Amino acid sequence: MTDNAATRVTVWSENRHEQEHEHVAALYPRGMHAAVKEGIEENLGAAVEVRTATLDQPEHGLTEEVLANTDVLTWWGHMAHGDVDDEIVERVHRHVLSGMGLIVLHSGHWSKIFTKLMGTTCTLRWRGEQDRELVWTVDPTHPIAKGVPHPIIIDEQEMYGEFFDIPTPEELVFISSFSGGEVFRSGCTFRRGHGKIFFFSPGDQDYPVYHHKDIRRVIANAVEWAVTDRPRRELPELLRYDTNEFFKGAGYQGATAIYEGSDA
């Protein structure tokens, strides 16, 4: 992406609850992915080009061409994590390590791609009944927190609570509190390879969270933050350098190469 080009965003969602549950369809008649897309566009305007992709499209809408032309991918999943093809997960994983930004939303914490990137179970405490969530800003200087109130008040949401089995976040931007006294690390950043990752928990399908102006602002801020400043997308590579040769590394497979020595 050049300095003057629009940030290319792909908003991915299962789009299953909207098809199977009338109350979800009433909240999101064009799908949750449409609401997330609209929120990014209303905050970032001409600075972004946003497409959507859903689970039931060929290759889940995440072809090699789509990902190669995506600067930041947002991911929402819940009831069909197991239906996501492992080959597509590997493809997304490679692009994240190569520099594509990833925004994981709500129950995407249990998605194949997030658990693969975190290397943990990513399980948590939860309560499905309606609750009020207060999203408290831990790091007011972080760009993802720009322009959001302290706290963000979400009148209708389910409870997520600790213990949340994730690696220690590189940056903790938000924590949330609920009426039962629970707290949760609701806005966390990570880096994997050359890619930047943000997990943001508000967004249960049973409530109109993605119509909330402050939640939309956080997601848009995260999109801006997650864009790499590297000139091209490439996997981190192990290179061999001779003494005093700092700029010309040679490719090296080392222990990952197939050993072809004799049995003698």
Protein backbone atom coordinates (compact mmCIF):
# COMPACT_ATOMS: atom_id res chain seq x y z
CA MET A 1 0.00 0.00 0.00
CA THR A 2 1.38 3.42 -0.94
CA ASP A 3 1.23 6.40 1.41
CA ASN A 4 -1.68 7.97 -0.51
CA ALA A 5 -3.68 4.80 -1.15
CA ALA A 6 -6.82 3.93 0.76
CA THR A 7 -6.50 1.23 3.40
CA ARG A 8 -8.04 -1.97 2.02
CA VAL A 9 -10.24 -3.65 4.63
CA THR A 10 -12.02 -6.99 4.44
CA VAL A 11 -14.79 -7.50 7.01
CA TRP A 12 -15.33 -11.23 7.53
CA SER A 13 -18.25 -12.83 9.39
CA GLU A 14 -19.95 -16.21 9.64
CA ASN A 15 -23.32 -14.70 8.71
CA ARG A 16 -25.08 -17.72 10.20
CA HIS A 17 -27.04 -16.26 13.14
CA GLU A 18 -28.60 -13.71 10.81
CA GLN A 19 -29.87 -16.52 8.58
CA GLU A 20 -31.17 -18.76 11.38
CA HIS A 21 -32.45 -16.46 14.15
CA GLU A 22 -35.17 -13.89 13.48
CA HIS A 23 -34.20 -11.59 16.34
CA VAL A 24 -30.62 -11.36 15.03
CA ALA A 25 -31.89 -10.70 11.50
CA ALA A 26 -34.08 -7.92 12.91
CA LEU A 27 -31.06 -6.30 14.55
CA TYR A 28 -28.81 -6.79 11.52
CA PRO A 29 -31.02 -7.14 8.43
CA ARG A 30 -27.97 -6.95 6.13
CA GLY A 31 -25.75 -8.94 8.48
CA MET A 32 -23.35 -7.98 11.26
CA HIS A 33 -20.61 -7.67 8.66
CA ALA A 34 -22.58 -4.86 7.00
CA ALA A 35 -22.86 -3.00 10.32
CA VAL A 36 -19.12 -3.35 10.97
CA LYS A 37 -18.38 -2.18 7.42
CA GLU A 38 -20.63 0.85 7.82
CA GLY A 39 -18.97 1.78 11.11
CA ILE A 40 -15.51 1.72 9.55
CA GLU A 41 -16.67 3.77 6.60
CA GLU A 42 -18.49 6.38 8.66
CA ASN A 43 -15.37 6.99 10.75
CA LEU A 44 -12.65 6.72 8.10
CA GLY A 45 -14.47 7.79 4.95
CA ALA A 46 -12.39 7.94 1.79
CA ALA A 47 -9.33 6.71 3.67
CA VAL A 48 -10.64 3.13 3.40
CA GLU A 49 -11.99 0.73 0.81
CA VAL A 50 -14.09 -1.90 2.59
CA ARG A 51 -15.34 -5.23 1.23
CA THR A 52 -17.16 -8.01 3.08
CA ALA A 53 -16.73 -11.77 3.01
CA THR A 54 -18.74 -14.55 4.67
CA LEU A 55 -18.34 -18.18 5.62
CA ASP A 56 -20.59 -19.69 2.95
CA GLN A 57 -18.89 -18.01 0.00
CA PRO A 58 -16.40 -20.09 -2.02
CA GLU A 59 -13.16 -20.30 -0.02
CA HIS A 60 -15.09 -18.34 2.68
CA GLY A 61 -14.58 -15.26 0.54
CA LEU A 62 -10.90 -15.28 1.51
CA THR A 63 -9.13 -16.25 -1.68
CA GLU A 64 -5.42 -15.68 -2.12
CA GLU A 65 -6.24 -12.68 -4.32
CA VAL A 66 -8.57 -11.15 -1.71
CA LEU A 67 -6.05 -11.53 1.11
CA ALA A 68 -3.18 -10.23 -1.01
CA ASN A 69 -5.28 -7.09 -1.52
CA THR A 70 -6.31 -6.74 2.14
CA ASP A 71 -4.37 -4.48 4.50
CA VAL A 72 -6.57 -5.27 7.51
CA LEU A 73 -8.97 -8.19 8.05
CA THR A 74 -11.70 -8.11 10.70
CA TRP A 75 -13.05 -11.46 11.95
CA TRP A 76 -16.35 -12.32 13.66
CA GLY A 77 -17.31 -15.93 14.34
CA HIS A 78 -19.39 -17.78 16.92
CA MET A 79 -21.49 -20.81 16.08
CA ALA A 80 -19.47 -22.30 13.22
CA HIS A 81 -15.78 -22.09 14.07
CA GLY A 82 -15.44 -25.75 13.10
CA ASP A 83 -16.82 -25.07 9.61
CA VAL A 84 -13.88 -22.84 8.73
CA ASP A 85 -11.59 -24.79 6.41
CA ASP A 86 -8.12 -25.44 7.80
CA GLU A 87 -6.55 -24.54 4.46
CA ILE A 88 -8.13 -21.07 4.65
CA VAL A 89 -6.91 -20.69 8.23
CA GLU A 90 -3.37 -21.50 7.09
CA ARG A 91 -3.71 -18.93 4.31
CA VAL A 92 -4.89 -16.19 6.70
CA HIS A 93 -2.18 -17.15 9.19
CA ARG A 94 0.52 -16.77 6.53
CA HIS A 95 -0.78 -13.36 5.53
CA VAL A 96 -0.88 -12.14 9.14
CA LEU A 97 2.71 -13.26 9.73
CA SER A 98 3.62 -11.49 6.49
CA GLY A 99 2.14 -8.18 7.61
CA MET A 100 -1.66 -8.15 7.20
CA GLY A 101 -3.45 -6.61 10.18
CA LEU A 102 -6.12 -8.66 12.00
CA ILE A 103 -8.99 -7.39 14.18
CA VAL A 104 -10.67 -10.25 16.08
CA LEU A 105 -14.14 -9.40 17.37
CA HIS A 106 -16.15 -10.86 20.26
CA SER A 107 -16.47 -14.66 20.07
CA GLY A 108 -13.81 -14.71 17.39
CA HIS A 109 -11.62 -15.36 20.44
CA TRP A 110 -12.37 -19.06 19.89
CA SER A 111 -11.80 -19.02 16.15
CA LYS A 112 -9.23 -21.30 14.58
CA ILE A 113 -7.16 -18.35 13.39
CA PHE A 114 -7.01 -16.59 16.78
CA THR A 115 -6.21 -19.72 18.79
CA LYS A 116 -3.52 -20.63 16.23
CA LEU A 117 -1.93 -17.20 16.51
CA MET A 118 -2.15 -17.14 20.31
CA GLY A 119 -1.06 -20.74 20.92
CA THR A 120 -3.51 -21.08 23.85
CA THR A 121 -7.11 -22.25 24.34
CA CYS A 122 -8.45 -18.65 24.40
CA THR A 123 -11.27 -19.83 26.70
CA LEU A 124 -12.99 -17.51 29.15
CA ARG A 125 -15.85 -17.06 31.64
CA TRP A 126 -19.21 -15.97 30.18
CA ARG A 127 -22.88 -15.40 30.99
CA GLY A 128 -25.39 -15.22 28.17
CA GLU A 129 -28.08 -13.12 29.82
CA GLN A 130 -28.40 -9.40 29.10
CA ASP A 131 -25.99 -7.27 31.11
CA ARG A 132 -24.53 -3.79 31.09
CA GLU A 133 -20.89 -3.58 30.05
CA LEU A 134 -18.60 -0.69 30.94
CA VAL A 135 -15.49 -0.55 28.74
CA TRP A 136 -12.74 1.27 30.64
CA THR A 137 -9.75 2.79 28.84
CA VAL A 138 -6.50 1.53 30.38
CA ASP A 139 -4.19 3.35 27.98
CA PRO A 140 -5.68 6.73 27.00
CA THR A 141 -2.64 7.57 24.84
CA HIS A 142 -3.08 4.52 22.62
CA PRO A 143 -4.31 5.35 19.09
CA ILE A 144 -7.08 2.74 19.36
CA ALA A 145 -8.54 4.70 22.30
CA LYS A 146 -8.60 8.01 20.42
CA GLY A 147 -11.89 9.85 20.71
CA VAL A 148 -13.76 7.27 22.80
CA PRO A 149 -15.41 8.06 26.16
CA HIS A 150 -14.18 6.67 29.46
CA PRO A 151 -16.03 4.43 29.98
CA ILE A 152 -17.93 3.30 26.93
CA ILE A 153 -21.39 2.31 28.20
CA ILE A 154 -23.02 -0.65 26.47
CA ASP A 155 -26.53 -1.12 27.86
CA GLU A 156 -27.13 -4.53 26.29
CA GLN A 157 -24.38 -7.14 26.09
CA GLU A 158 -23.45 -10.57 27.41
CA MET A 159 -20.78 -10.99 30.07
CA TYR A 160 -17.22 -12.03 29.32
CA GLY A 161 -14.96 -12.50 32.34
CA GLU A 162 -11.58 -13.70 33.52
CA PHE A 163 -9.80 -16.01 33.42
CA PHE A 164 -9.17 -15.36 29.71
CA ASP A 165 -6.57 -17.87 28.51
CA ILE A 166 -4.48 -15.71 26.19
CA PRO A 167 -0.79 -14.83 26.23
CA THR A 168 0.00 -11.64 28.13
CA PRO A 169 -1.06 -8.86 25.75
CA GLU A 170 1.65 -6.62 24.40
CA GLU A 171 -0.66 -3.69 25.10
CA LEU A 172 -3.82 -3.63 27.18
CA VAL A 173 -6.05 -0.86 25.85
CA PHE A 174 -9.43 -1.64 27.49
CA ILE A 175 -10.85 -3.62 30.38
CA SER A 176 -14.56 -4.22 30.92
CA SER A 177 -16.69 -4.60 34.05
CA PHE A 178 -20.13 -6.16 34.50
CA SER A 179 -22.96 -6.16 37.04
CA GLY A 180 -21.86 -9.44 38.63
CA GLY A 181 -18.49 -7.90 39.54
CA GLU A 182 -16.65 -9.62 36.70
CA VAL A 183 -13.84 -7.91 34.83
CA PHE A 184 -12.33 -8.76 31.45
CA ARG A 185 -9.38 -7.76 29.29
CA SER A 186 -11.60 -6.58 26.46
CA GLY A 187 -9.13 -4.72 24.23
CA CYS A 188 -5.69 -6.30 23.70
CA THR A 189 -2.95 -5.99 21.10
CA PHE A 190 -0.46 -8.59 19.92
CA ARG A 191 2.18 -8.85 17.23
CA ARG A 192 2.87 -12.05 15.35
CA GLY A 193 5.55 -12.03 12.69
CA HIS A 194 5.13 -8.75 10.80
CA GLY A 195 1.39 -8.54 11.56
CA LYS A 196 -0.47 -6.52 14.20
CA ILE A 197 -3.50 -8.04 15.95
CA PHE A 198 -6.21 -6.43 18.07
CA PHE A 199 -8.82 -8.39 20.02
CA PHE A 200 -11.96 -6.46 21.00
CA SER A 201 -14.69 -8.31 22.88
CA PRO A 202 -17.93 -6.26 22.66
CA GLY A 203 -20.31 -7.55 19.99
CA ASP A 204 -22.69 -10.40 20.91
CA GLN A 205 -25.12 -11.20 18.10
CA ASP A 206 -28.19 -10.88 20.33
CA TYR A 207 -27.65 -7.16 20.97
CA PRO A 208 -27.18 -4.09 18.72
CA VAL A 209 -23.56 -3.53 19.76
CA TYR A 210 -22.24 -2.91 16.23
CA HIS A 211 -24.67 -0.01 15.86
CA HIS A 212 -23.07 1.68 18.92
CA LYS A 213 -21.15 4.75 17.74
CA ASP A 214 -18.29 4.33 20.23
CA ILE A 215 -17.80 0.64 19.41
CA ARG A 216 -17.67 1.60 15.74
CA ARG A 217 -15.06 4.23 16.55
CA VAL A 218 -12.86 1.71 18.37
CA ILE A 219 -12.98 -0.73 15.44
CA ALA A 220 -12.15 2.05 12.97
CA ASN A 221 -9.27 3.20 15.17
CA ALA A 222 -8.01 -0.38 15.30
CA VAL A 223 -8.09 -0.61 11.50
CA GLU A 224 -5.85 2.46 11.25
CA TRP A 225 -3.50 1.10 13.92
CA ALA A 226 -3.20 -2.38 12.38
CA VAL A 227 -1.88 -1.26 9.00
CA THR A 228 1.76 -2.26 8.59
CA ASP A 229 4.39 0.34 7.74
CA ARG A 230 6.52 -2.25 5.96
CA PRO A 231 6.99 -1.62 2.22
CA ARG A 232 5.90 -5.09 1.13
CA ARG A 233 4.24 -8.21 2.50
CA GLU A 234 6.65 -11.03 3.25
CA LEU A 235 7.13 -13.75 5.84
CA PRO A 236 9.97 -13.34 8.33
CA GLU A 237 12.90 -15.28 6.87
CA LEU A 238 15.99 -16.87 8.37
CA LEU A 239 19.02 -15.60 6.46
CA ARG A 240 22.72 -16.41 6.80
CA TYR A 241 25.19 -13.51 6.92
CA ASP A 242 28.98 -13.59 6.61
CA THR A 243 31.04 -11.67 9.15
CA ASN A 244 30.88 -7.91 8.52
CA GLU A 245 28.33 -8.39 5.74
CA PHE A 246 25.25 -6.66 7.16
CA PHE A 247 22.97 -6.26 4.16
CA LYS A 248 23.26 -9.32 1.91
CA GLY A 249 21.85 -12.38 3.59
CA ALA A 250 21.65 -15.75 1.91
CA GLY A 251 18.63 -18.04 2.13
CA TYR A 252 18.99 -20.85 4.65
CA GLN A 253 16.83 -23.85 5.47
CA GLY A 254 19.07 -25.47 8.04
CA ALA A 255 17.31 -27.93 10.30
CA THR A 256 14.00 -27.49 8.41
CA ALA A 257 15.49 -29.02 5.25
CA ILE A 258 14.90 -32.71 4.48
CA TYR A 259 18.04 -34.66 5.34
CA GLU A 260 19.32 -36.58 2.34
CA GLY A 261 22.50 -38.08 3.76
CA SER A 262 23.46 -41.74 3.23
CA ASP A 263 22.57 -44.51 5.64
CA ALA A 264 26.15 -45.80 5.62
